[in-house]
Amino acid sequence: MTTELANTEITPADVPAVGEAWTRIEPFALTFDGFRYWGSVEKCAEVAGRTPKTLTDLRTCLFFEARRWKNLGREPDGESMKRIRALISVIQQKIKTGDTR
């Protein structure tokens, strides 16, 4: 089971490198429970579908991708991995600068 991490608890070492395999990214994605945070699957999907601005939005998007691919029973395709890697890159920047909103 993956331990949840609050935005303020994440360190740069917790965030996978942009080039990491899905097997390393997925556990990090699940350190945030977007369904619980937003109160419903629908609200989480709504937030995940818009352009992320905050660390919480970014983590919501990453969580939603992890749940989607888990439900599909396979690893993300190439296009999805591009989006996932972009999310990871911005998450890294926000953690390094201390922007934990």
PDB file of N, CA and C in Angstrom:
ATOM      1  N   MET A   1       0.846  -1.185   0.000  1.00  0.00           N
ATOM      2  CA  MET A   1       0.000   0.000   0.000  1.00  0.00           C
ATOM      3  C   MET A   1       0.891   1.248   0.000  1.00  0.00           C
ATOM      4  N   THR A   2       0.509   2.223  -0.783  1.00  0.00           N
ATOM      5  CA  THR A   2       1.248   3.463  -0.890  1.00  0.00           C
ATOM      6  C   THR A   2       0.808   4.416   0.218  1.00  0.00           C
ATOM      7  N   THR A   3       1.765   5.069   0.845  1.00  0.00           N
ATOM      8  CA  THR A   3       1.470   6.043   1.888  1.00  0.00           C
ATOM      9  C   THR A   3       1.133   7.379   1.242  1.00  0.00           C
ATOM     10  N   GLU A   4       0.066   8.003   1.725  1.00  0.00           N
ATOM     11  CA  GLU A   4      -0.290   9.321   1.206  1.00  0.00           C
ATOM     12  C   GLU A   4       0.673  10.367   1.752  1.00  0.00           C
ATOM     13  N   LEU A   5       0.949  11.365   0.928  1.00  0.00           N
ATOM     14  CA  LEU A   5       1.807  12.483   1.316  1.00  0.00           C
ATOM     15  C   LEU A   5       1.064  13.782   1.072  1.00  0.00           C
ATOM     16  N   ALA A   6       1.058  14.644   2.080  1.00  0.00           N
ATOM     17  CA  ALA A   6       0.522  15.993   1.888  1.00  0.00           C
ATOM     18  C   ALA A   6       1.501  16.766   1.017  1.00  0.00           C
ATOM     19  N   ASN A   7       1.017  17.786   0.350  1.00  0.00           N
ATOM     20  CA  ASN A   7       1.895  18.600  -0.501  1.00  0.00           C
ATOM     21  C   ASN A   7       3.117  19.094   0.268  1.00  0.00           C
ATOM     22  N   THR A   8       2.919  19.477   1.508  1.00  0.00           N
ATOM     23  CA  THR A   8       4.013  20.026   2.317  1.00  0.00           C
ATOM     24  C   THR A   8       5.003  18.962   2.772  1.00  0.00           C
ATOM     25  N   GLU A   9       4.661  17.690   2.633  1.00  0.00           N
ATOM     26  CA  GLU A   9       5.548  16.596   3.038  1.00  0.00           C
ATOM     27  C   GLU A   9       6.434  16.088   1.899  1.00  0.00           C
ATOM     28  N   ILE A  10       6.129  16.454   0.678  1.00  0.00           N
ATOM     29  CA  ILE A  10       6.882  15.945  -0.470  1.00  0.00           C
ATOM     30  C   ILE A  10       8.257  16.593  -0.524  1.00  0.00           C
ATOM     31  N   THR A  11       9.269  15.767  -0.717  1.00  0.00           N
ATOM     32  CA  THR A  11      10.625  16.263  -0.919  1.00  0.00           C
ATOM     33  C   THR A  11      11.007  15.997  -2.371  1.00  0.00           C
ATOM     34  N   PRO A  12      12.027  16.675  -2.872  1.00  0.00           N
ATOM     35  CA  PRO A  12      12.466  16.392  -4.250  1.00  0.00           C
ATOM     36  C   PRO A  12      12.783  14.914  -4.479  1.00  0.00           C
ATOM     37  N   ALA A  13      13.274  14.229  -3.450  1.00  0.00           N
ATOM     38  CA  ALA A  13      13.612  12.810  -3.591  1.00  0.00           C
ATOM     39  C   ALA A  13      12.366  11.934  -3.780  1.00  0.00           C
ATOM     40  N   ASP A  14      11.197  12.422  -3.349  1.00  0.00           N
ATOM     41  CA  ASP A  14       9.960  11.660  -3.497  1.00  0.00           C
ATOM     42  C   ASP A  14       9.439  11.658  -4.936  1.00  0.00           C
ATOM     43  N   VAL A  15       9.776  12.689  -5.684  1.00  0.00           N
ATOM     44  CA  VAL A  15       9.232  12.861  -7.037  1.00  0.00           C
ATOM     45  C   VAL A  15      10.097  12.086  -8.032  1.00  0.00           C
ATOM     46  N   PRO A  16       9.493  11.210  -8.803  1.00  0.00           N
ATOM     47  CA  PRO A  16      10.272  10.454  -9.787  1.00  0.00           C
ATOM     48  C   PRO A  16      10.901  11.389 -10.825  1.00  0.00           C
ATOM     49  N   ALA A  17      11.989  10.943 -11.399  1.00  0.00           N
ATOM     50  CA  ALA A  17      12.611  11.677 -12.505  1.00  0.00           C
ATOM     51  C   ALA A  17      11.669  11.611 -13.706  1.00  0.00           C
ATOM     52  N   VAL A  18      11.750  12.601 -14.562  1.00  0.00           N
ATOM     53  CA  VAL A  18      10.874  12.669 -15.739  1.00  0.00           C
ATOM     54  C   VAL A  18      10.981  11.411 -16.596  1.00  0.00           C
ATOM     55  N   GLY A  19      12.160  10.836 -16.714  1.00  0.00           N
ATOM     56  CA  GLY A  19      12.363   9.662 -17.555  1.00  0.00           C
ATOM     57  C   GLY A  19      12.109   8.322 -16.888  1.00  0.00           C
ATOM     58  N   GLU A  20      11.644   8.346 -15.648  1.00  0.00           N
ATOM     59  CA  GLU A  20      11.400   7.099 -14.909  1.00  0.00           C
ATOM     60  C   GLU A  20      10.324   6.245 -15.580  1.00  0.00           C
ATOM     61  N   ALA A  21      10.377   4.973 -15.289  1.00  0.00           N
ATOM     62  CA  ALA A  21       9.377   4.030 -15.785  1.00  0.00           C
ATOM     63  C   ALA A  21       8.064   4.230 -15.030  1.00  0.00           C
ATOM     64  N   TRP A  22       6.970   3.799 -15.636  1.00  0.00           N
ATOM     65  CA  TRP A  22       5.655   3.894 -15.025  1.00  0.00           C
ATOM     66  C   TRP A  22       5.627   3.194 -13.661  1.00  0.00           C
ATOM     67  N   THR A  23       6.394   2.118 -13.527  1.00  0.00           N
ATOM     68  CA  THR A  23       6.418   1.381 -12.258  1.00  0.00           C
ATOM     69  C   THR A  23       6.955   2.227 -11.109  1.00  0.00           C
ATOM     70  N   ARG A  24       7.686   3.275 -11.396  1.00  0.00           N
ATOM     71  CA  ARG A  24       8.165   4.211 -10.370  1.00  0.00           C
ATOM     72  C   ARG A  24       7.214   5.406 -10.233  1.00  0.00           C
ATOM     73  N   ILE A  25       6.600   5.808 -11.337  1.00  0.00           N
ATOM     74  CA  ILE A  25       5.710   6.976 -11.315  1.00  0.00           C
ATOM     75  C   ILE A  25       4.376   6.644 -10.650  1.00  0.00           C
ATOM     76  N   GLU A  26       3.819   5.489 -10.964  1.00  0.00           N
ATOM     77  CA  GLU A  26       2.496   5.144 -10.443  1.00  0.00           C
ATOM     78  C   GLU A  26       2.420   5.189  -8.913  1.00  0.00           C
ATOM     79  N   PRO A  27       3.370   4.595  -8.173  1.00  0.00           N
ATOM     80  CA  PRO A  27       3.276   4.680  -6.706  1.00  0.00           C
ATOM     81  C   PRO A  27       3.295   6.123  -6.193  1.00  0.00           C
ATOM     82  N   PHE A  28       4.082   6.988  -6.839  1.00  0.00           N
ATOM     83  CA  PHE A  28       4.091   8.395  -6.431  1.00  0.00           C
ATOM     84  C   PHE A  28       2.727   9.027  -6.715  1.00  0.00           C
ATOM     85  N   ALA A  29       2.149   8.718  -7.862  1.00  0.00           N
ATOM     86  CA  ALA A  29       0.834   9.268  -8.209  1.00  0.00           C
ATOM     87  C   ALA A  29      -0.206   8.907  -7.160  1.00  0.00           C
ATOM     88  N   LEU A  30      -0.076   7.740  -6.581  1.00  0.00           N
ATOM     89  CA  LEU A  30      -1.056   7.266  -5.609  1.00  0.00           C
ATOM     90  C   LEU A  30      -0.775   7.741  -4.185  1.00  0.00           C
ATOM     91  N   THR A  31       0.217   8.618  -4.010  1.00  0.00           N
ATOM     92  CA  THR A  31       0.436   9.233  -2.694  1.00  0.00           C
ATOM     93  C   THR A  31      -0.565  10.367  -2.456  1.00  0.00           C
ATOM     94  N   PHE A  32      -1.425  10.607  -3.436  1.00  0.00           N
ATOM     95  CA  PHE A  32      -2.495  11.597  -3.339  1.00  0.00           C
ATOM     96  C   PHE A  32      -3.783  10.903  -3.745  1.00  0.00           C
ATOM     97  N   ASP A  33      -4.810  10.992  -2.908  1.00  0.00           N
ATOM     98  CA  ASP A  33      -6.098  10.370  -3.239  1.00  0.00           C
ATOM     99  C   ASP A  33      -7.057  11.465  -3.696  1.00  0.00           C
ATOM    100  N   GLY A  34      -7.095  11.681  -4.987  1.00  0.00           N
ATOM    101  CA  GLY A  34      -7.938  12.728  -5.548  1.00  0.00           C
ATOM    102  C   GLY A  34      -9.413  12.515  -5.311  1.00  0.00           C
ATOM    103  N   PHE A  35      -9.865  11.279  -5.273  1.00  0.00           N
ATOM    104  CA  PHE A  35     -11.284  11.008  -5.031  1.00  0.00           C
ATOM    105  C   PHE A  35     -11.676  11.481  -3.631  1.00  0.00           C
ATOM    106  N   ARG A  36     -10.836  11.158  -2.661  1.00  0.00           N
ATOM    107  CA  ARG A  36     -11.128  11.568  -1.284  1.00  0.00           C
ATOM    108  C   ARG A  36     -10.968  13.075  -1.116  1.00  0.00           C
ATOM    109  N   TYR A  37      -9.883  13.626  -1.693  1.00  0.00           N
ATOM    110  CA  TYR A  37      -9.617  15.056  -1.545  1.00  0.00           C
ATOM    111  C   TYR A  37     -10.772  15.898  -2.100  1.00  0.00           C
ATOM    112  N   TRP A  38     -11.246  15.557  -3.295  1.00  0.00           N
ATOM    113  CA  TRP A  38     -12.290  16.344  -3.954  1.00  0.00           C
ATOM    114  C   TRP A  38     -13.699  15.895  -3.573  1.00  0.00           C
ATOM    115  N   GLY A  39     -13.819  14.758  -2.894  1.00  0.00           N
ATOM    116  CA  GLY A  39     -15.122  14.325  -2.402  1.00  0.00           C
ATOM    117  C   GLY A  39     -15.921  13.451  -3.338  1.00  0.00           C
ATOM    118  N   SER A  40     -15.460  13.305  -4.577  1.00  0.00           N
ATOM    119  CA  SER A  40     -16.158  12.426  -5.517  1.00  0.00           C
ATOM    120  C   SER A  40     -15.285  12.161  -6.735  1.00  0.00           C
ATOM    121  N   VAL A  41     -15.603  11.086  -7.406  1.00  0.00           N
ATOM    122  CA  VAL A  41     -14.912  10.748  -8.655  1.00  0.00           C
ATOM    123  C   VAL A  41     -15.190  11.842  -9.690  1.00  0.00           C
ATOM    124  N   GLU A  42     -16.433  12.314  -9.720  1.00  0.00           N
ATOM    125  CA  GLU A  42     -16.833  13.313 -10.721  1.00  0.00           C
ATOM    126  C   GLU A  42     -16.060  14.620 -10.557  1.00  0.00           C
ATOM    127  N   LYS A  43     -15.935  15.104  -9.335  1.00  0.00           N
ATOM    128  CA  LYS A  43     -15.209  16.355  -9.096  1.00  0.00           C
ATOM    129  C   LYS A  43     -13.730  16.172  -9.408  1.00  0.00           C
ATOM    130  N   CYS A  44     -13.176  15.021  -9.035  1.00  0.00           N
ATOM    131  CA  CYS A  44     -11.775  14.726  -9.348  1.00  0.00           C
ATOM    132  C   CYS A  44     -11.569  14.728 -10.863  1.00  0.00           C
ATOM    133  N   ALA A  45     -12.482  14.105 -11.597  1.00  0.00           N
ATOM    134  CA  ALA A  45     -12.391  14.070 -13.064  1.00  0.00           C
ATOM    135  C   ALA A  45     -12.489  15.471 -13.646  1.00  0.00           C
ATOM    136  N   GLU A  46     -13.352  16.302 -13.069  1.00  0.00           N
ATOM    137  CA  GLU A  46     -13.492  17.682 -13.536  1.00  0.00           C
ATOM    138  C   GLU A  46     -12.180  18.443 -13.369  1.00  0.00           C
ATOM    139  N   VAL A  47     -11.575  18.328 -12.196  1.00  0.00           N
ATOM    140  CA  VAL A  47     -10.305  19.016 -11.934  1.00  0.00           C
ATOM    141  C   VAL A  47      -9.205  18.459 -12.836  1.00  0.00           C
ATOM    142  N   ALA A  48      -9.179  17.137 -13.010  1.00  0.00           N
ATOM    143  CA  ALA A  48      -8.157  16.502 -13.847  1.00  0.00           C
ATOM    144  C   ALA A  48      -8.300  16.888 -15.319  1.00  0.00           C
ATOM    145  N   GLY A  49      -9.488  17.312 -15.714  1.00  0.00           N
ATOM    146  CA  GLY A  49      -9.737  17.664 -17.104  1.00  0.00           C
ATOM    147  C   GLY A  49      -9.411  19.098 -17.469  1.00  0.00           C
ATOM    148  N   ARG A  50      -9.048  19.898 -16.496  1.00  0.00           N
ATOM    149  CA  ARG A  50      -8.718  21.294 -16.806  1.00  0.00           C
ATOM    150  C   ARG A  50      -7.212  21.509 -16.694  1.00  0.00           C
ATOM    151  N   THR A  51      -6.756  22.649 -17.151  1.00  0.00           N
ATOM    152  CA  THR A  51      -5.331  22.959 -17.099  1.00  0.00           C
ATOM    153  C   THR A  51      -4.912  23.148 -15.647  1.00  0.00           C
ATOM    154  N   PRO A  52      -3.944  22.342 -15.179  1.00  0.00           N
ATOM    155  CA  PRO A  52      -3.535  22.437 -13.783  1.00  0.00           C
ATOM    156  C   PRO A  52      -2.712  23.701 -13.509  1.00  0.00           C
ATOM    157  N   LYS A  53      -3.004  24.321 -12.370  1.00  0.00           N
ATOM    158  CA  LYS A  53      -2.272  25.522 -11.988  1.00  0.00           C
ATOM    159  C   LYS A  53      -1.505  25.331 -10.684  1.00  0.00           C
ATOM    160  N   THR A  54      -2.096  24.596  -9.763  1.00  0.00           N
ATOM    161  CA  THR A  54      -1.482  24.408  -8.455  1.00  0.00           C
ATOM    162  C   THR A  54      -0.890  23.006  -8.338  1.00  0.00           C
ATOM    163  N   LEU A  55      -0.107  22.806  -7.305  1.00  0.00           N
ATOM    164  CA  LEU A  55       0.439  21.478  -7.050  1.00  0.00           C
ATOM    165  C   LEU A  55      -0.692  20.478  -6.817  1.00  0.00           C
ATOM    166  N   THR A  56      -1.725  20.902  -6.121  1.00  0.00           N
ATOM    167  CA  THR A  56      -2.872  20.017  -5.897  1.00  0.00           C
ATOM    168  C   THR A  56      -3.537  19.645  -7.217  1.00  0.00           C
ATOM    169  N   ASP A  57      -3.681  20.606  -8.122  1.00  0.00           N
ATOM    170  CA  ASP A  57      -4.244  20.301  -9.449  1.00  0.00           C
ATOM    171  C   ASP A  57      -3.359  19.304 -10.195  1.00  0.00           C
ATOM    172  N   LEU A  58      -2.061  19.522 -10.155  1.00  0.00           N
ATOM    173  CA  LEU A  58      -1.115  18.636 -10.842  1.00  0.00           C
ATOM    174  C   LEU A  58      -1.198  17.221 -10.285  1.00  0.00           C
ATOM    175  N   ARG A  59      -1.246  17.134  -8.973  1.00  0.00           N
ATOM    176  CA  ARG A  59      -1.326  15.811  -8.338  1.00  0.00           C
ATOM    177  C   ARG A  59      -2.668  15.143  -8.628  1.00  0.00           C
ATOM    178  N   THR A  60      -3.715  15.944  -8.750  1.00  0.00           N
ATOM    179  CA  THR A  60      -5.031  15.403  -9.119  1.00  0.00           C
ATOM    180  C   THR A  60      -4.956  14.789 -10.513  1.00  0.00           C
ATOM    181  N   CYS A  61      -4.355  15.496 -11.446  1.00  0.00           N
ATOM    182  CA  CYS A  61      -4.212  14.992 -12.819  1.00  0.00           C
ATOM    183  C   CYS A  61      -3.409  13.695 -12.840  1.00  0.00           C
ATOM    184  N   LEU A  62      -2.297  13.674 -12.112  1.00  0.00           N
ATOM    185  CA  LEU A  62      -1.444  12.492 -12.082  1.00  0.00           C
ATOM    186  C   LEU A  62      -2.168  11.312 -11.431  1.00  0.00           C
ATOM    187  N   PHE A  63      -2.861  11.573 -10.336  1.00  0.00           N
ATOM    188  CA  PHE A  63      -3.648  10.537  -9.664  1.00  0.00           C
ATOM    189  C   PHE A  63      -4.711   9.973 -10.611  1.00  0.00           C
ATOM    190  N   PHE A  64      -5.418  10.865 -11.299  1.00  0.00           N
ATOM    191  CA  PHE A  64      -6.487  10.434 -12.191  1.00  0.00           C
ATOM    192  C   PHE A  64      -5.934   9.561 -13.316  1.00  0.00           C
ATOM    193  N   GLU A  65      -4.773   9.930 -13.846  1.00  0.00           N
ATOM    194  CA  GLU A  65      -4.134   9.101 -14.879  1.00  0.00           C
ATOM    195  C   GLU A  65      -3.783   7.728 -14.319  1.00  0.00           C
ATOM    196  N   ALA A  66      -3.242   7.700 -13.104  1.00  0.00           N
ATOM    197  CA  ALA A  66      -2.866   6.415 -12.497  1.00  0.00           C
ATOM    198  C   ALA A  66      -4.091   5.522 -12.319  1.00  0.00           C
ATOM    199  N   ARG A  67      -5.178   6.086 -11.847  1.00  0.00           N
ATOM    200  CA  ARG A  67      -6.398   5.304 -11.644  1.00  0.00           C
ATOM    201  C   ARG A  67      -6.979   4.835 -12.987  1.00  0.00           C
ATOM    202  N   ARG A  68      -6.921   5.731 -13.972  1.00  0.00           N
ATOM    203  CA  ARG A  68      -7.450   5.373 -15.298  1.00  0.00           C
ATOM    204  C   ARG A  68      -6.718   4.167 -15.868  1.00  0.00           C
ATOM    205  N   TRP A  69      -5.381   4.213 -15.841  1.00  0.00           N
ATOM    206  CA  TRP A  69      -4.615   3.127 -16.423  1.00  0.00           C
ATOM    207  C   TRP A  69      -4.703   1.859 -15.590  1.00  0.00           C
ATOM    208  N   LYS A  70      -4.833   2.001 -14.273  1.00  0.00           N
ATOM    209  CA  LYS A  70      -5.036   0.826 -13.429  1.00  0.00           C
ATOM    210  C   LYS A  70      -6.362   0.154 -13.792  1.00  0.00           C
ATOM    211  N   ASN A  71      -7.407   0.954 -13.998  1.00  0.00           N
ATOM    212  CA  ASN A  71      -8.712   0.405 -14.375  1.00  0.00           C
ATOM    213  C   ASN A  71      -8.682  -0.255 -15.747  1.00  0.00           C
ATOM    214  N   LEU A  72      -7.850   0.270 -16.645  1.00  0.00           N
ATOM    215  CA  LEU A  72      -7.708  -0.338 -17.972  1.00  0.00           C
ATOM    216  C   LEU A  72      -6.854  -1.605 -17.940  1.00  0.00           C
ATOM    217  N   GLY A  73      -6.103  -1.786 -16.846  1.00  0.00           N
ATOM    218  CA  GLY A  73      -5.297  -2.983 -16.681  1.00  0.00           C
ATOM    219  C   GLY A  73      -4.025  -3.007 -17.503  1.00  0.00           C
ATOM    220  N   ARG A  74      -3.534  -1.817 -17.837  1.00  0.00           N
ATOM    221  CA  ARG A  74      -2.271  -1.761 -18.589  1.00  0.00           C
ATOM    222  C   ARG A  74      -1.535  -0.459 -18.285  1.00  0.00           C
ATOM    223  N   GLU A  75      -0.325  -0.374 -18.819  1.00  0.00           N
ATOM    224  CA  GLU A  75       0.475   0.835 -18.628  1.00  0.00           C
ATOM    225  C   GLU A  75       0.068   1.894 -19.641  1.00  0.00           C
ATOM    226  N   PRO A  76       0.321   3.162 -19.312  1.00  0.00           N
ATOM    227  CA  PRO A  76      -0.061   4.241 -20.222  1.00  0.00           C
ATOM    228  C   PRO A  76       0.607   4.113 -21.592  1.00  0.00           C
ATOM    229  N   ASP A  77      -0.120   4.564 -22.617  1.00  0.00           N
ATOM    230  CA  ASP A  77       0.430   4.585 -23.970  1.00  0.00           C
ATOM    231  C   ASP A  77       1.392   5.773 -24.106  1.00  0.00           C
ATOM    232  N   GLY A  78       2.002   5.882 -25.259  1.00  0.00           N
ATOM    233  CA  GLY A  78       3.015   6.912 -25.498  1.00  0.00           C
ATOM    234  C   GLY A  78       2.523   8.334 -25.304  1.00  0.00           C
ATOM    235  N   GLU A  79       1.347   8.651 -25.842  1.00  0.00           N
ATOM    236  CA  GLU A  79       0.785  10.004 -25.687  1.00  0.00           C
ATOM    237  C   GLU A  79       0.493  10.324 -24.232  1.00  0.00           C
ATOM    238  N   SER A  80      -0.052   9.364 -23.530  1.00  0.00           N
ATOM    239  CA  SER A  80      -0.347   9.575 -22.115  1.00  0.00           C
ATOM    240  C   SER A  80       0.933   9.747 -21.308  1.00  0.00           C
ATOM    241  N   MET A  81       1.972   8.989 -21.649  1.00  0.00           N
ATOM    242  CA  MET A  81       3.241   9.136 -20.930  1.00  0.00           C
ATOM    243  C   MET A  81       3.851  10.521 -21.159  1.00  0.00           C
ATOM    244  N   LYS A  82       3.645  11.097 -22.331  1.00  0.00           N
ATOM    245  CA  LYS A  82       4.125  12.466 -22.562  1.00  0.00           C
ATOM    246  C   LYS A  82       3.449  13.430 -21.596  1.00  0.00           C
ATOM    247  N   ARG A  83       2.144  13.292 -21.448  1.00  0.00           N
ATOM    248  CA  ARG A  83       1.395  14.146 -20.514  1.00  0.00           C
ATOM    249  C   ARG A  83       1.834  13.891 -19.076  1.00  0.00           C
ATOM    250  N   ILE A  84       1.986  12.632 -18.726  1.00  0.00           N
ATOM    251  CA  ILE A  84       2.401  12.265 -17.371  1.00  0.00           C
ATOM    252  C   ILE A  84       3.782  12.828 -17.072  1.00  0.00           C
ATOM    253  N   ARG A  85       4.696  12.712 -18.009  1.00  0.00           N
ATOM    254  CA  ARG A  85       6.050  13.244 -17.801  1.00  0.00           C
ATOM    255  C   ARG A  85       6.033  14.770 -17.683  1.00  0.00           C
ATOM    256  N   ALA A  86       5.149  15.424 -18.427  1.00  0.00           N
ATOM    257  CA  ALA A  86       5.014  16.885 -18.306  1.00  0.00           C
ATOM    258  C   ALA A  86       4.501  17.251 -16.914  1.00  0.00           C
ATOM    259  N   LEU A  87       3.540  16.491 -16.403  1.00  0.00           N
ATOM    260  CA  LEU A  87       3.034  16.726 -15.051  1.00  0.00           C
ATOM    261  C   LEU A  87       4.152  16.553 -14.024  1.00  0.00           C
ATOM    262  N   ILE A  88       4.926  15.491 -14.165  1.00  0.00           N
ATOM    263  CA  ILE A  88       6.043  15.227 -13.253  1.00  0.00           C
ATOM    264  C   ILE A  88       7.038  16.384 -13.282  1.00  0.00           C
ATOM    265  N   SER A  89       7.337  16.884 -14.465  1.00  0.00           N
ATOM    266  CA  SER A  89       8.289  17.985 -14.600  1.00  0.00           C
ATOM    267  C   SER A  89       7.831  19.224 -13.828  1.00  0.00           C
ATOM    268  N   VAL A  90       6.567  19.576 -13.958  1.00  0.00           N
ATOM    269  CA  VAL A  90       6.052  20.760 -13.269  1.00  0.00           C
ATOM    270  C   VAL A  90       5.953  20.504 -11.764  1.00  0.00           C
ATOM    271  N   ILE A  91       5.592  19.287 -11.381  1.00  0.00           N
ATOM    272  CA  ILE A  91       5.563  18.939  -9.954  1.00  0.00           C
ATOM    273  C   ILE A  91       6.961  19.108  -9.367  1.00  0.00           C
ATOM    274  N   GLN A  92       7.971  18.626 -10.061  1.00  0.00           N
ATOM    275  CA  GLN A  92       9.355  18.784  -9.592  1.00  0.00           C
ATOM    276  C   GLN A  92       9.689  20.255  -9.371  1.00  0.00           C
ATOM    277  N   GLN A  93       9.339  21.098 -10.337  1.00  0.00           N
ATOM    278  CA  GLN A  93       9.632  22.527 -10.225  1.00  0.00           C
ATOM    279  C   GLN A  93       8.932  23.135  -9.013  1.00  0.00           C
ATOM    280  N   LYS A  94       7.665  22.800  -8.814  1.00  0.00           N
ATOM    281  CA  LYS A  94       6.909  23.363  -7.699  1.00  0.00           C
ATOM    282  C   LYS A  94       7.511  22.918  -6.358  1.00  0.00           C
ATOM    283  N   ILE A  95       7.906  21.673  -6.253  1.00  0.00           N
ATOM    284  CA  ILE A  95       8.510  21.182  -5.008  1.00  0.00           C
ATOM    285  C   ILE A  95       9.844  21.887  -4.754  1.00  0.00           C
ATOM    286  N   LYS A  96      10.664  22.021  -5.791  1.00  0.00           N
ATOM    287  CA  LYS A  96      11.961  22.687  -5.630  1.00  0.00           C
ATOM    288  C   LYS A  96      11.824  24.137  -5.189  1.00  0.00           C
ATOM    289  N   THR A  97      10.773  24.799  -5.657  1.00  0.00           N
ATOM    290  CA  THR A  97      10.583  26.213  -5.302  1.00  0.00           C
ATOM    291  C   THR A  97       9.719  26.407  -4.062  1.00  0.00           C
ATOM    292  N   GLY A  98       9.231  25.299  -3.489  1.00  0.00           N
ATOM    293  CA  GLY A  98       8.416  25.396  -2.285  1.00  0.00           C
ATOM    294  C   GLY A  98       6.985  25.841  -2.515  1.00  0.00           C
ATOM    295  N   ASP A  99       6.515  25.769  -3.751  1.00  0.00           N
ATOM    296  CA  ASP A  99       5.145  26.158  -4.081  1.00  0.00           C
ATOM    297  C   ASP A  99       4.227  24.963  -3.848  1.00  0.00           C
ATOM    298  N   THR A 100       3.729  24.812  -2.626  1.00  0.00           N
ATOM    299  CA  THR A 100       2.954  23.637  -2.266  1.00  0.00           C
ATOM    300  C   THR A 100       1.438  23.862  -2.288  1.00  0.00           C
ATOM    301  N   ARG A 101       0.992  24.940  -2.926  1.00  0.00           N
ATOM    302  CA  ARG A 101      -0.468  25.170  -3.021  1.00  0.00           C
ATOM    303  C   ARG A 101      -1.096  24.117  -3.904  1.00  0.00           C
TER     304      ARG A 101
END
